[in-house]
Amino acid sequence: MLSKGVFAQTTCKLIRCSSTLHSKAAPAVMTQLQSEMPQCDHRPAAYNGPSYERILETRKNHLTPNLLAHFKKPLVIHAGHMQWLYDHEGRRYLDMFGGIVTVSVGHCHPKVNQALSEQMSKLWHTTNIYMHPKIHEYAERLTAKFPGKLKAVCFVNSGSEANDLAMLLARLHTGNQDILTFRNAYHGMSPYTMGLTAHSTWRYPLPGVNNGILHVMNPDPYQGIWGGSACRDSPVQTTRSCSCPPNDCQAGVNYYNELEQTFKYSLPRGKVAAMFAESIQGVGGTVQFPKGYLKRAAELVRANGGLFVADEVQTGFGRTGDHFWGFESHDYTPDIVTMAKGIGNGFPLAAVVTTPEIAASLGMALHFNTYGGNPMASAVGISVLDVIEEEQLQRNSLEVGTYFLKCLEELQQRYELIGDVRGKGLMIGVELVSDRETRAPLAAPHVLDIWEMCKDMGVLFGRGGLHGNVLSFRPPLCISYEDVELTLSILEAVFVEHMNKRPRGWRVITSQNRGLL
């Protein structure tokens, strides 16, 4: 981890002085930043596919309407290399979103490409009615990453499938029906997992979706009822104040007491099937829970006959930096772990890891997954683990991610629209607000304008949260300090350019107005 002295030096170097970015100078600065992208020797082949207009027409006429394109002018991406993406006209973009947290070790990583190519030349697919070596090799490698009795794995193809199977396992093993999850959680969009997902924007009006599922209060230290200045396991804390002593988060205690009320009044005593929790909420806007909360919640669930499920679809495989799995930062061991996205670096691959005793519940009937753990998927999975270890990407996530977070915190001190900076490693959120005191979200048109301008200048990232006002940074774990500097430069240039349009209630923080916050 970087020392405070290094942070101070590098942060001062990176954060640009807004006085040089007045309205007349901003376009020149933007042009300069576009030309200052870090060097990359990769040159993709020229695009020779259908025209941009033809793609738009095909998308409109032949793809289902749920496939919404990002940006006012959507991108056509035809090539990728490590942290870089290339559009159909040859423009290069820094990918700070990783295909929604999916590209873990880099686009078209040569070692992963080679592993897939070699396996494809030997055997694509048999299903698991026959034994093939790769799934067995991979099962040993993957389960070795887990503590305790978490040594049984079932391979599937997506995060929704993994969480779907975890729900089934929990209900079969416990004989109970009720499952808890948080408001603001996202666990998938299958008809089964849609009930776990607690965002109105992601739910269809179907009967039975919430069958046996309760959404409990989200323990959010920034937007929630309770929060303080030392709640999160993060290099950056909220601006909310508290008087909690070290290692005693009163906000966490209050949220836990609310959870206990659900058990007292809304559940059959001792008859819970499971509780699901993302180690850091992803789609919900990079929300981190108070320290110690999940550990106590897991104990409560088990005391009532249930299992605790850690959803590591976004936080797994070293993304949070200090641990390989996000749940390890919360100091507990779950009963079931689900994973997807970064597990395959973009290849359709997911898994459920649990104990042999819980896994035995699947023996009550036949259960089968045609593609889960097939030879190609297993070869890719093994190579991803190899690259994370050989290139020390977990360490890179910790060091570069912590550096990025501290620089964003410096930016927050200069721009009032940044209400909160949070996250760990390379799972980072920046919440934009219209009012710091009320924490009201910045209006969508302003957020979309910022998003679009950053894209036009060559940096891609996502948006999260119920209101879409949280900038989501989830890049491939191979990004460098130089990439972070580019991102910060473009963010500040865009903030200043957008500020000159004078959206109501937004200003640069100066020494004169700092005391008003």
Protein backbone atom coordinates (compact mmCIF):
# COMPACT_ATOMS: atom_id res chain seq x y z
CA MET A 1 0.00 0.00 0.00
CA LEU A 2 1.20 3.52 -0.75
CA SER A 3 2.37 5.72 2.12
CA LYS A 4 0.58 8.95 3.03
CA GLY A 5 3.58 10.91 1.78
CA VAL A 6 3.39 9.29 -1.63
CA PHE A 7 -0.35 10.01 -1.75
CA ALA A 8 0.22 13.66 -0.96
CA GLN A 9 2.89 14.06 -3.64
CA THR A 10 1.11 12.18 -6.38
CA THR A 11 -2.27 13.70 -5.66
CA CYS A 12 -0.90 17.22 -5.89
CA LYS A 13 0.71 16.27 -9.19
CA LEU A 14 -2.46 14.82 -10.68
CA ILE A 15 -5.25 17.15 -9.66
CA ARG A 16 -5.38 20.03 -12.10
CA CYS A 17 -5.94 23.59 -10.94
CA SER A 18 -9.41 24.67 -12.05
CA SER A 19 -8.32 28.29 -12.47
CA THR A 20 -6.52 27.29 -15.67
CA LEU A 21 -9.62 25.57 -17.02
CA HIS A 22 -11.95 28.55 -17.47
CA SER A 23 -14.57 28.41 -20.19
CA LYS A 24 -12.33 29.73 -22.98
CA ALA A 25 -9.48 27.37 -22.18
CA ALA A 26 -11.52 24.20 -21.61
CA PRO A 27 -11.85 23.08 -25.26
CA ALA A 28 -8.10 23.43 -25.75
CA VAL A 29 -7.49 21.42 -22.60
CA MET A 30 -9.86 18.71 -23.82
CA THR A 31 -8.07 18.46 -27.15
CA GLN A 32 -4.74 18.25 -25.37
CA LEU A 33 -5.97 15.51 -23.01
CA GLN A 34 -7.27 13.48 -25.94
CA SER A 35 -3.77 13.53 -27.43
CA GLU A 36 -2.10 12.62 -24.12
CA MET A 37 -3.37 9.06 -23.86
CA PRO A 38 -0.78 6.62 -22.53
CA GLN A 39 1.26 4.92 -25.21
CA CYS A 40 -0.04 1.63 -26.59
CA ASP A 41 1.79 -0.27 -29.33
CA HIS A 42 -1.18 -2.45 -30.20
CA ARG A 43 -2.76 -1.75 -33.60
CA PRO A 44 -6.03 -3.56 -34.24
CA ALA A 45 -6.99 -4.74 -37.72
CA ALA A 46 -9.12 -2.32 -39.69
CA TYR A 47 -12.87 -2.67 -39.21
CA ASN A 48 -14.64 -4.31 -42.16
CA GLY A 49 -18.11 -4.99 -40.73
CA PRO A 50 -21.52 -3.45 -41.46
CA SER A 51 -21.89 0.32 -41.44
CA TYR A 52 -22.83 2.26 -38.31
CA GLU A 53 -26.23 3.04 -39.83
CA ARG A 54 -26.84 -0.62 -40.70
CA ILE A 55 -26.00 -1.68 -37.14
CA LEU A 56 -28.47 0.85 -35.72
CA GLU A 57 -31.14 -0.37 -38.12
CA THR A 58 -30.53 -4.03 -37.29
CA ARG A 59 -30.57 -3.31 -33.59
CA LYS A 60 -33.90 -1.53 -33.91
CA ASN A 61 -35.55 -4.13 -36.12
CA HIS A 62 -34.12 -7.46 -34.96
CA LEU A 63 -32.84 -7.23 -31.37
CA THR A 64 -35.17 -7.14 -28.38
CA PRO A 65 -35.79 -3.67 -26.91
CA ASN A 66 -34.21 -4.53 -23.55
CA LEU A 67 -30.80 -4.14 -25.26
CA LEU A 68 -30.36 -0.47 -24.53
CA ALA A 69 -27.21 1.16 -25.88
CA HIS A 70 -25.19 3.46 -23.65
CA PHE A 71 -24.69 7.10 -24.65
CA LYS A 72 -26.59 9.54 -26.85
CA LYS A 73 -24.38 8.44 -29.71
CA PRO A 74 -23.71 4.74 -29.04
CA LEU A 75 -20.31 3.23 -29.71
CA VAL A 76 -19.56 0.37 -32.08
CA ILE A 77 -16.66 -1.47 -30.46
CA HIS A 78 -14.89 -3.96 -32.68
CA ALA A 79 -11.55 -4.69 -30.94
CA GLY A 80 -9.95 -4.74 -27.52
CA HIS A 81 -6.47 -5.07 -26.05
CA MET A 82 -5.83 -5.21 -22.30
CA GLN A 83 -7.39 -1.98 -20.87
CA TRP A 84 -8.13 -0.51 -24.31
CA LEU A 85 -11.14 -0.65 -26.62
CA TYR A 86 -11.32 0.45 -30.28
CA ASP A 87 -14.36 1.64 -32.16
CA HIS A 88 -15.20 1.03 -35.81
CA GLU A 89 -13.39 4.21 -36.86
CA GLY A 90 -10.17 3.31 -35.06
CA ARG A 91 -10.56 5.57 -32.01
CA ARG A 92 -9.05 4.23 -28.80
CA TYR A 93 -10.83 4.33 -25.43
CA LEU A 94 -9.61 3.59 -21.92
CA ASP A 95 -12.01 0.99 -20.55
CA MET A 96 -12.66 1.88 -16.91
CA PHE A 97 -15.73 -0.36 -16.73
CA GLY A 98 -14.37 -3.73 -17.90
CA GLY A 99 -17.52 -4.84 -19.71
CA ILE A 100 -19.51 -4.31 -16.48
CA VAL A 101 -16.84 -5.75 -14.18
CA THR A 102 -16.31 -8.73 -16.46
CA VAL A 103 -12.93 -8.22 -18.10
CA SER A 104 -10.67 -8.99 -15.16
CA VAL A 105 -7.18 -9.55 -16.59
CA GLY A 106 -7.46 -7.51 -19.80
CA HIS A 107 -9.20 -7.66 -23.16
CA CYS A 108 -7.83 -10.46 -25.35
CA HIS A 109 -5.10 -11.25 -22.83
CA PRO A 110 -2.52 -13.30 -24.76
CA LYS A 111 -2.28 -16.09 -22.18
CA VAL A 112 -6.06 -16.48 -21.97
CA ASN A 113 -6.33 -16.36 -25.76
CA GLN A 114 -3.67 -19.06 -26.06
CA ALA A 115 -5.34 -21.33 -23.50
CA LEU A 116 -8.67 -21.06 -25.33
CA SER A 117 -7.08 -21.58 -28.73
CA GLU A 118 -5.23 -24.69 -27.59
CA GLN A 119 -8.35 -26.18 -26.03
CA MET A 120 -10.47 -25.38 -29.09
CA SER A 121 -8.03 -27.29 -31.27
CA LYS A 122 -8.52 -30.40 -29.11
CA LEU A 123 -12.08 -30.48 -27.77
CA TRP A 124 -14.90 -27.94 -27.60
CA HIS A 125 -17.72 -29.70 -25.85
CA THR A 126 -18.95 -33.06 -24.58
CA THR A 127 -21.22 -32.06 -21.64
CA ASN A 128 -20.42 -33.76 -18.36
CA ILE A 129 -21.91 -37.13 -19.30
CA TYR A 130 -18.27 -37.91 -20.08
CA MET A 131 -15.29 -37.00 -17.97
CA HIS A 132 -12.80 -34.57 -19.41
CA PRO A 133 -9.67 -33.41 -17.59
CA LYS A 134 -10.11 -29.63 -17.64
CA ILE A 135 -13.14 -29.40 -15.37
CA HIS A 136 -11.34 -31.51 -12.75
CA GLU A 137 -8.17 -29.44 -12.98
CA TYR A 138 -10.17 -26.26 -12.69
CA ALA A 139 -12.28 -27.49 -9.76
CA GLU A 140 -9.12 -28.17 -7.76
CA ARG A 141 -7.57 -24.79 -8.64
CA LEU A 142 -10.70 -22.77 -7.89
CA THR A 143 -11.70 -24.42 -4.60
CA ALA A 144 -8.12 -24.04 -3.33
CA LYS A 145 -8.86 -20.30 -3.20
CA PHE A 146 -11.54 -20.80 -0.53
CA PRO A 147 -11.29 -21.21 3.25
CA GLY A 148 -12.68 -23.96 5.40
CA LYS A 149 -15.11 -26.48 3.99
CA LEU A 150 -15.97 -24.54 0.82
CA LYS A 151 -14.61 -27.26 -1.46
CA ALA A 152 -17.51 -28.32 -3.72
CA VAL A 153 -18.19 -26.45 -6.96
CA CYS A 154 -20.93 -26.52 -9.58
CA PHE A 155 -20.14 -24.67 -12.80
CA VAL A 156 -22.80 -22.68 -14.65
CA ASN A 157 -22.76 -19.87 -17.23
CA SER A 158 -23.89 -16.58 -15.65
CA GLY A 159 -24.36 -14.78 -12.37
CA SER A 160 -28.13 -15.14 -12.55
CA GLU A 161 -27.75 -18.90 -12.98
CA ALA A 162 -25.33 -19.05 -10.06
CA ASN A 163 -27.65 -17.18 -7.71
CA ASP A 164 -30.61 -19.19 -8.99
CA LEU A 165 -28.78 -22.39 -8.04
CA ALA A 166 -27.78 -20.94 -4.65
CA MET A 167 -31.45 -20.24 -3.88
CA LEU A 168 -32.32 -23.81 -4.80
CA LEU A 169 -29.50 -25.25 -2.67
CA ALA A 170 -30.44 -23.19 0.37
CA ARG A 171 -34.09 -24.20 0.24
CA LEU A 172 -33.31 -27.85 -0.39
CA HIS A 173 -30.67 -28.11 2.33
CA THR A 174 -32.57 -26.27 5.07
CA GLY A 175 -36.08 -27.35 4.15
CA ASN A 176 -37.08 -23.71 4.66
CA GLN A 177 -38.54 -21.23 2.21
CA ASP A 178 -37.86 -17.65 3.31
CA ILE A 179 -34.86 -15.79 1.89
CA LEU A 180 -33.67 -12.31 2.85
CA THR A 181 -31.83 -9.78 0.76
CA PHE A 182 -31.19 -6.05 0.96
CA ARG A 183 -33.13 -3.23 -0.61
CA ASN A 184 -30.87 -1.87 -3.36
CA ALA A 185 -29.45 -5.36 -4.02
CA TYR A 186 -28.95 -6.86 -7.45
CA HIS A 187 -28.64 -10.64 -7.80
CA GLY A 188 -29.89 -11.38 -11.29
CA MET A 189 -32.81 -11.23 -13.69
CA SER A 190 -34.03 -14.80 -14.06
CA PRO A 191 -37.64 -15.25 -12.90
CA TYR A 192 -36.27 -16.82 -9.70
CA THR A 193 -33.54 -14.26 -8.89
CA MET A 194 -35.63 -11.25 -9.89
CA GLY A 195 -37.24 -11.64 -6.47
CA LEU A 196 -33.85 -11.13 -4.83
CA THR A 197 -33.16 -7.99 -6.85
CA ALA A 198 -34.56 -4.96 -5.03
CA HIS A 199 -34.58 -2.22 -7.64
CA SER A 200 -37.94 -1.23 -9.11
CA THR A 201 -36.16 -0.43 -12.37
CA TRP A 202 -35.13 -4.09 -12.76
CA ARG A 203 -38.42 -5.78 -11.88
CA TYR A 204 -41.26 -6.91 -14.13
CA PRO A 205 -44.85 -7.02 -12.79
CA LEU A 206 -45.07 -10.80 -12.59
CA PRO A 207 -46.99 -12.86 -10.02
CA GLY A 208 -44.96 -14.95 -7.60
CA VAL A 209 -41.64 -13.14 -8.09
CA ASN A 210 -41.40 -12.29 -4.38
CA ASN A 211 -42.54 -15.70 -3.21
CA GLY A 212 -40.77 -16.24 0.13
CA ILE A 213 -38.38 -13.28 -0.29
CA LEU A 214 -38.04 -10.31 2.07
CA HIS A 215 -36.09 -7.14 1.35
CA VAL A 216 -34.58 -5.72 4.52
CA MET A 217 -33.22 -2.23 5.25
CA ASN A 218 -30.03 -1.52 3.33
CA PRO A 219 -27.17 -0.66 5.73
CA ASP A 220 -25.86 2.25 3.64
CA PRO A 221 -23.56 4.57 5.63
CA TYR A 222 -23.92 7.40 3.09
CA GLN A 223 -27.57 7.50 1.99
CA GLY A 224 -29.07 5.47 4.82
CA ILE A 225 -30.66 6.61 8.08
CA TRP A 226 -27.41 6.04 10.00
CA GLY A 227 -23.86 6.68 8.96
CA GLY A 228 -20.62 8.14 10.20
CA SER A 229 -17.04 9.05 9.46
CA ALA A 230 -15.47 5.63 10.02
CA CYS A 231 -18.13 3.08 9.01
CA ARG A 232 -16.61 1.60 5.87
CA ASP A 233 -13.69 -0.66 5.15
CA SER A 234 -12.37 1.81 2.59
CA PRO A 235 -9.52 4.30 2.20
CA VAL A 236 -12.23 6.98 1.89
CA GLN A 237 -15.07 7.59 4.35
CA THR A 238 -18.32 9.52 4.16
CA THR A 239 -18.49 13.20 5.07
CA ARG A 240 -21.07 12.37 7.75
CA SER A 241 -19.89 12.85 11.33
CA CYS A 242 -20.04 10.49 14.28
CA SER A 243 -18.49 10.02 17.72
CA CYS A 244 -17.98 6.27 17.53
CA PRO A 245 -14.84 4.88 19.19
CA PRO A 246 -12.49 2.74 17.05
CA ASN A 247 -13.91 -0.67 16.07
CA ASP A 248 -17.36 0.24 17.39
CA CYS A 249 -19.60 1.50 14.57
CA GLN A 250 -22.91 2.62 16.05
CA ALA A 251 -24.47 2.86 12.59
CA GLY A 252 -23.73 -0.82 12.05
CA VAL A 253 -25.32 -1.65 15.41
CA ASN A 254 -28.44 0.31 14.51
CA TYR A 255 -28.78 -1.40 11.13
CA TYR A 256 -28.28 -4.80 12.77
CA ASN A 257 -31.00 -4.02 15.30
CA GLU A 258 -33.35 -3.29 12.38
CA LEU A 259 -32.47 -6.67 10.88
CA GLU A 260 -33.31 -8.34 14.18
CA GLN A 261 -36.75 -6.72 14.06
CA THR A 262 -37.41 -8.46 10.74
CA PHE A 263 -36.57 -11.81 12.32
CA LYS A 264 -38.78 -11.06 15.33
CA TYR A 265 -41.85 -9.95 13.43
CA SER A 266 -41.75 -11.08 9.79
CA LEU A 267 -40.27 -14.59 9.71
CA PRO A 268 -41.21 -17.98 11.13
CA ARG A 269 -38.95 -18.51 14.11
CA GLY A 270 -35.96 -20.70 13.32
CA LYS A 271 -37.18 -21.36 9.76
CA VAL A 272 -35.06 -19.21 7.45
CA ALA A 273 -33.56 -20.63 4.26
CA ALA A 274 -30.89 -18.03 3.49
CA MET A 275 -29.73 -14.47 3.31
CA PHE A 276 -27.93 -13.11 0.22
CA ALA A 277 -25.43 -10.24 0.29
CA GLU A 278 -23.07 -8.70 -2.21
CA SER A 279 -19.78 -7.92 -0.47
CA ILE A 280 -20.06 -4.47 -2.05
CA GLN A 281 -23.29 -3.67 -3.86
CA GLY A 282 -22.50 -3.27 -7.55
CA VAL A 283 -25.53 -2.25 -9.60
CA GLY A 284 -26.79 -0.42 -6.51
CA GLY A 285 -23.93 2.07 -6.76
CA THR A 286 -20.83 0.61 -5.03
CA VAL A 287 -22.50 0.68 -1.62
CA GLN A 288 -20.35 -0.60 1.24
CA PHE A 289 -21.78 -1.86 4.52
CA PRO A 290 -20.67 -0.84 8.03
CA LYS A 291 -17.78 -2.83 9.43
CA GLY A 292 -18.88 -5.98 11.23
CA TYR A 293 -22.46 -5.91 9.95
CA LEU A 294 -22.33 -8.92 7.62
CA LYS A 295 -20.53 -11.05 10.19
CA ARG A 296 -23.29 -10.45 12.74
CA ALA A 297 -25.98 -10.92 10.09
CA ALA A 298 -24.51 -14.31 9.13
CA GLU A 299 -24.58 -15.42 12.77
CA LEU A 300 -28.22 -14.36 13.09
CA VAL A 301 -29.25 -16.19 9.92
CA ARG A 302 -27.52 -19.41 11.01
CA ALA A 303 -29.09 -19.18 14.46
CA ASN A 304 -32.45 -19.25 12.67
CA GLY A 305 -31.70 -22.32 10.58
CA GLY A 306 -30.48 -20.57 7.42
CA LEU A 307 -27.42 -20.31 5.21
CA PHE A 308 -25.51 -17.18 4.31
CA VAL A 309 -24.77 -16.62 0.62
CA ALA A 310 -21.99 -14.29 -0.53
CA ASP A 311 -22.58 -12.90 -4.01
CA GLU A 312 -19.05 -12.37 -5.40
CA VAL A 313 -20.13 -11.81 -9.00
CA GLN A 314 -18.56 -8.35 -8.98
CA THR A 315 -16.20 -8.37 -6.00
CA GLY A 316 -14.37 -11.66 -6.52
CA PHE A 317 -11.02 -12.56 -8.08
CA GLY A 318 -8.92 -9.90 -6.38
CA ARG A 319 -10.96 -6.89 -7.42
CA THR A 320 -11.13 -5.38 -3.93
CA GLY A 321 -7.36 -5.66 -3.60
CA ASP A 322 -6.68 -6.71 -0.03
CA HIS A 323 -8.35 -10.11 -0.43
CA PHE A 324 -9.18 -12.50 -3.26
CA TRP A 325 -12.85 -12.59 -2.19
CA GLY A 326 -14.85 -9.63 -0.95
CA PHE A 327 -16.39 -11.56 1.96
CA GLU A 328 -12.95 -11.97 3.53
CA SER A 329 -12.91 -8.23 4.29
CA HIS A 330 -16.04 -8.73 6.38
CA ASP A 331 -14.36 -11.38 8.56
CA TYR A 332 -16.78 -14.24 8.01
CA THR A 333 -16.99 -17.39 5.92
CA PRO A 334 -20.25 -17.87 3.98
CA ASP A 335 -22.01 -21.18 3.43
CA ILE A 336 -22.40 -20.62 -0.32
CA VAL A 337 -20.46 -18.34 -2.67
CA THR A 338 -21.63 -17.35 -6.14
CA MET A 339 -19.31 -15.92 -8.81
CA ALA A 340 -19.34 -14.93 -12.48
CA LYS A 341 -18.10 -12.02 -14.63
CA GLY A 342 -14.36 -11.75 -13.85
CA ILE A 343 -14.07 -15.52 -13.45
CA GLY A 344 -13.89 -15.92 -17.24
CA ASN A 345 -12.58 -12.51 -18.42
CA GLY A 346 -15.60 -12.25 -20.71
CA PHE A 347 -16.09 -15.96 -21.49
CA PRO A 348 -19.54 -17.27 -20.37
CA LEU A 349 -18.56 -18.90 -17.10
CA ALA A 350 -19.90 -18.83 -13.54
CA ALA A 351 -19.83 -21.05 -10.48
CA VAL A 352 -21.36 -21.87 -7.12
CA VAL A 353 -18.99 -23.00 -4.38
CA THR A 354 -20.28 -24.54 -1.17
CA THR A 355 -19.59 -27.32 1.30
CA PRO A 356 -19.88 -31.00 0.30
CA GLU A 357 -22.74 -31.39 2.80
CA ILE A 358 -24.80 -28.60 1.23
CA ALA A 359 -23.91 -29.71 -2.30
CA ALA A 360 -25.22 -33.20 -1.50
CA SER A 361 -28.75 -31.73 -1.50
CA LEU A 362 -28.62 -31.67 -5.31
CA GLY A 363 -28.67 -35.46 -5.18
CA MET A 364 -32.38 -35.41 -4.28
CA ALA A 365 -33.19 -35.30 -8.00
CA LEU A 366 -31.41 -35.05 -11.34
CA HIS A 367 -29.76 -31.69 -11.97
CA PHE A 368 -27.79 -30.84 -15.08
CA ASN A 369 -26.17 -27.90 -16.84
CA THR A 370 -25.32 -28.49 -20.49
CA TYR A 371 -22.47 -26.01 -20.82
CA GLY A 372 -21.31 -25.54 -17.23
CA GLY A 373 -17.59 -26.23 -16.91
CA ASN A 374 -17.16 -27.42 -20.48
CA PRO A 375 -13.58 -27.87 -21.75
CA MET A 376 -13.27 -24.37 -23.23
CA ALA A 377 -14.75 -22.63 -20.18
CA SER A 378 -12.53 -24.59 -17.81
CA ALA A 379 -9.40 -23.83 -19.83
CA VAL A 380 -10.23 -20.13 -19.76
CA GLY A 381 -10.94 -20.23 -16.01
CA ILE A 382 -7.58 -21.85 -15.26
CA SER A 383 -5.71 -19.30 -17.37
CA VAL A 384 -7.45 -16.39 -15.63
CA LEU A 385 -6.29 -17.69 -12.25
CA ASP A 386 -2.78 -18.08 -13.68
CA VAL A 387 -2.66 -14.50 -14.94
CA ILE A 388 -3.99 -13.01 -11.68
CA GLU A 389 -1.22 -14.80 -9.79
CA GLU A 390 1.65 -14.39 -12.27
CA GLU A 391 1.03 -10.70 -12.94
CA GLN A 392 0.15 -9.91 -9.31
CA LEU A 393 -3.10 -8.28 -10.37
CA GLN A 394 -4.65 -8.45 -6.92
CA ARG A 395 -1.76 -6.37 -5.61
CA ASN A 396 -2.09 -4.01 -8.56
CA SER A 397 -5.78 -3.61 -7.77
CA LEU A 398 -4.96 -2.68 -4.18
CA GLU A 399 -2.20 -0.20 -4.96
CA VAL A 400 -3.56 1.47 -8.09
CA GLY A 401 -7.11 1.38 -6.73
CA THR A 402 -6.17 2.96 -3.42
CA TYR A 403 -4.22 5.63 -5.27
CA PHE A 404 -7.24 6.31 -7.50
CA LEU A 405 -9.56 6.54 -4.48
CA LYS A 406 -7.34 9.02 -2.67
CA CYS A 407 -7.04 11.18 -5.80
CA LEU A 408 -10.83 11.12 -6.21
CA GLU A 409 -11.13 12.20 -2.58
CA GLU A 410 -8.95 15.20 -3.44
CA LEU A 411 -11.24 15.93 -6.36
CA GLN A 412 -14.25 15.71 -4.03
CA GLN A 413 -12.77 18.47 -1.90
CA ARG A 414 -12.75 20.75 -4.94
CA TYR A 415 -16.12 20.00 -6.57
CA GLU A 416 -19.34 20.17 -4.61
CA LEU A 417 -21.22 17.90 -6.99
CA ILE A 418 -19.15 14.95 -5.69
CA GLY A 419 -21.12 13.85 -2.66
CA ASP A 420 -19.29 10.63 -1.89
CA VAL A 421 -16.26 8.61 -3.00
CA ARG A 422 -16.21 4.98 -1.94
CA GLY A 423 -14.99 1.50 -2.68
CA LYS A 424 -11.94 -0.72 -2.38
CA GLY A 425 -9.30 -1.78 -4.86
CA LEU A 426 -10.64 -1.32 -8.37
CA MET A 427 -14.32 -1.35 -7.41
CA ILE A 428 -14.99 2.35 -7.05
CA GLY A 429 -18.05 4.59 -6.99
CA VAL A 430 -18.37 8.39 -7.15
CA GLU A 431 -21.83 9.63 -6.19
CA LEU A 432 -22.88 12.89 -7.83
CA VAL A 433 -25.31 15.07 -5.89
CA SER A 434 -27.15 18.34 -6.37
CA ASP A 435 -26.92 19.18 -2.67
CA ARG A 436 -24.33 17.82 -0.27
CA GLU A 437 -26.40 18.51 2.82
CA THR A 438 -29.49 16.59 1.65
CA ARG A 439 -27.45 14.16 -0.50
CA ALA A 440 -30.07 14.57 -3.24
CA PRO A 441 -28.94 12.95 -6.52
CA LEU A 442 -27.66 15.10 -9.35
CA ALA A 443 -30.38 15.26 -12.01
CA ALA A 444 -30.10 12.70 -14.80
CA PRO A 445 -29.51 15.22 -17.64
CA HIS A 446 -26.41 16.55 -15.87
CA VAL A 447 -25.06 13.05 -15.14
CA LEU A 448 -25.66 11.96 -18.73
CA ASP A 449 -23.92 15.05 -20.04
CA ILE A 450 -20.82 14.31 -17.93
CA TRP A 451 -20.90 10.67 -18.98
CA GLU A 452 -21.16 11.53 -22.66
CA MET A 453 -18.38 14.11 -22.54
CA CYS A 454 -15.99 11.68 -20.84
CA LYS A 455 -16.76 9.11 -23.52
CA ASP A 456 -16.06 11.65 -26.26
CA MET A 457 -12.71 12.37 -24.63
CA GLY A 458 -11.75 8.70 -24.52
CA VAL A 459 -12.65 7.30 -21.08
CA LEU A 460 -15.48 4.81 -20.57
CA PHE A 461 -17.11 4.00 -17.25
CA GLY A 462 -20.52 2.96 -16.01
CA ARG A 463 -23.33 4.39 -13.91
CA GLY A 464 -25.03 2.78 -10.94
CA GLY A 465 -27.52 3.39 -8.17
CA LEU A 466 -31.29 3.67 -8.34
CA HIS A 467 -31.01 7.16 -9.85
CA GLY A 468 -28.03 6.36 -12.10
CA ASN A 469 -26.00 9.12 -10.45
CA VAL A 470 -23.06 7.01 -9.22
CA LEU A 471 -20.09 6.89 -11.59
CA SER A 472 -18.87 3.28 -11.60
CA PHE A 473 -15.21 2.47 -12.16
CA ARG A 474 -14.49 -1.26 -12.59
CA PRO A 475 -11.55 -1.47 -15.02
CA PRO A 476 -9.50 -4.51 -15.95
CA LEU A 477 -7.11 -5.21 -13.07
CA CYS A 478 -4.11 -4.47 -15.30
CA ILE A 479 -4.60 -0.68 -15.43
CA SER A 480 -1.69 1.58 -14.48
CA TYR A 481 -1.13 4.80 -12.55
CA GLU A 482 -0.84 6.51 -15.92
CA ASP A 483 -4.34 5.34 -16.82
CA VAL A 484 -5.65 6.72 -13.54
CA GLU A 485 -4.00 10.07 -14.28
CA LEU A 486 -5.71 10.21 -17.67
CA THR A 487 -9.07 9.44 -16.08
CA LEU A 488 -8.64 12.10 -13.40
CA SER A 489 -7.57 14.71 -15.94
CA ILE A 490 -10.58 14.06 -18.14
CA LEU A 491 -12.98 13.96 -15.19
CA GLU A 492 -11.82 17.35 -13.96
CA ALA A 493 -11.83 18.89 -17.42
CA VAL A 494 -15.39 17.67 -17.93
CA PHE A 495 -16.50 18.87 -14.49
CA VAL A 496 -15.18 22.34 -15.25
CA GLU A 497 -16.60 22.43 -18.76
CA HIS A 498 -19.99 21.31 -17.50
CA MET A 499 -19.85 23.69 -14.57
CA ASN A 500 -19.49 26.59 -16.96
CA LYS A 501 -23.01 25.79 -18.14
CA ARG A 502 -24.01 26.68 -14.58
CA PRO A 503 -26.31 23.84 -13.55
CA ARG A 504 -28.17 25.09 -10.52
CA GLY A 505 -26.60 24.40 -7.14
CA TRP A 506 -23.19 23.29 -8.43
CA ARG A 507 -19.98 25.19 -7.84
CA VAL A 508 -16.27 24.67 -7.35
CA ILE A 509 -15.31 24.62 -3.70
CA THR A 510 -12.96 27.49 -2.88
CA SER A 511 -11.42 28.69 0.35
CA GLN A 512 -14.20 31.30 0.50
CA ASN A 513 -17.13 28.88 0.38
CA ARG A 514 -15.59 25.76 1.95
CA GLY A 515 -16.96 26.69 5.36
CA LEU A 516 -20.53 26.69 4.02
CA LEU A 517 -20.52 22.94 3.44
